[in-house]
Amino acid sequence: MSKCLRLNAPSKAAESRSQIRFLLVCGFIISSLLAGLCCANDLQAATFARDAETELSVDPPGSPDASGIFSLTRFTQSPIEEDFDFGSRLKLDGKLYRLEEPPDQKSNAIVVIEGDLESEQLEVKTSGLTDSQKKEYDFSGTYRRLTDNELQRRAQRRYDAADTWLNEIYRQAREKLASSSFADLKKRESDWIAYRDYFAEQSGGINANAESLPEEVARLQSLRELTMSRISFIRSLLDDSLPAGIKLMRYTATSTAAN
């Protein structure tokens, strides 16, 4: 009897160990599948760049049946031009992300984003992206994922360029405007700077959350947008094609809004 017990005991122990190993393997497989599923449905927003002036921001869909949001931006290198931005919804189509147009809206715009949104690069093909002047922009190419540090360096560089352009347009205003007009413009400058800095500080935090950007990047972007708007306003004061009365009206309205 005791010999039988000795023979059967190892067999039961081996069976128990096999069952435990089986359960552990099953648990590992299930955990891996769940983790993969969660990652697939929890892709993070990211920014990619084709070159120094062209960026793609993507807030991916949370599931294959949902829609995401993307934005393609071409940043101007000139103070006399404006940035061009094209944004819309995107839909997963196999391994591609395609522009999703509302059913009641007809457009020639085509955007195809190919690749894994968690990878280091994406391939983009576009056509039919035009501004209000019917100028077409081609965003096709390979886009590389940007780190937060790269995003901040690029945003800082663009703001610094806009600030340089603003100083240049002020120099032109000093030379071209009547002394009294330039004195009034200069007097209001400190108010505008305070308004710009405060607005950028407040909106930076909001945009950082809404666009999944580092807060400093969002703040620098707001500073640049406000600076570019100011450049456009001062240029309108120097436009000889406008009657003096229209110049004065524009200046008064903008200055009041800034205050």
Foldseek 3Di string as FASTA:
>chain_A
DVVVVVVVVVVVVVVVVVVVVVVVVVVVVVVVVVVVLQCQQDPAWFKWAQDLFWIKTWAQHSDQVGKTKMKIWGCDPDLVDHIDMDMAIWHDDPQKIWGDDDPVDDAPWTWIWGDDPPDQKIFIFIDRDADPVRDTDTPGDMIGTDDLVRLLVSLVVLLVSLVVLLVVLLVVCCVQPDPVVNVVVVVLVVLLVVLQLVVLLVVLVVCCVVRVHDSSSSSSNSSNVSSSVVSVLSVLLRDPVDPNVVNVVSVVVVSVVSD
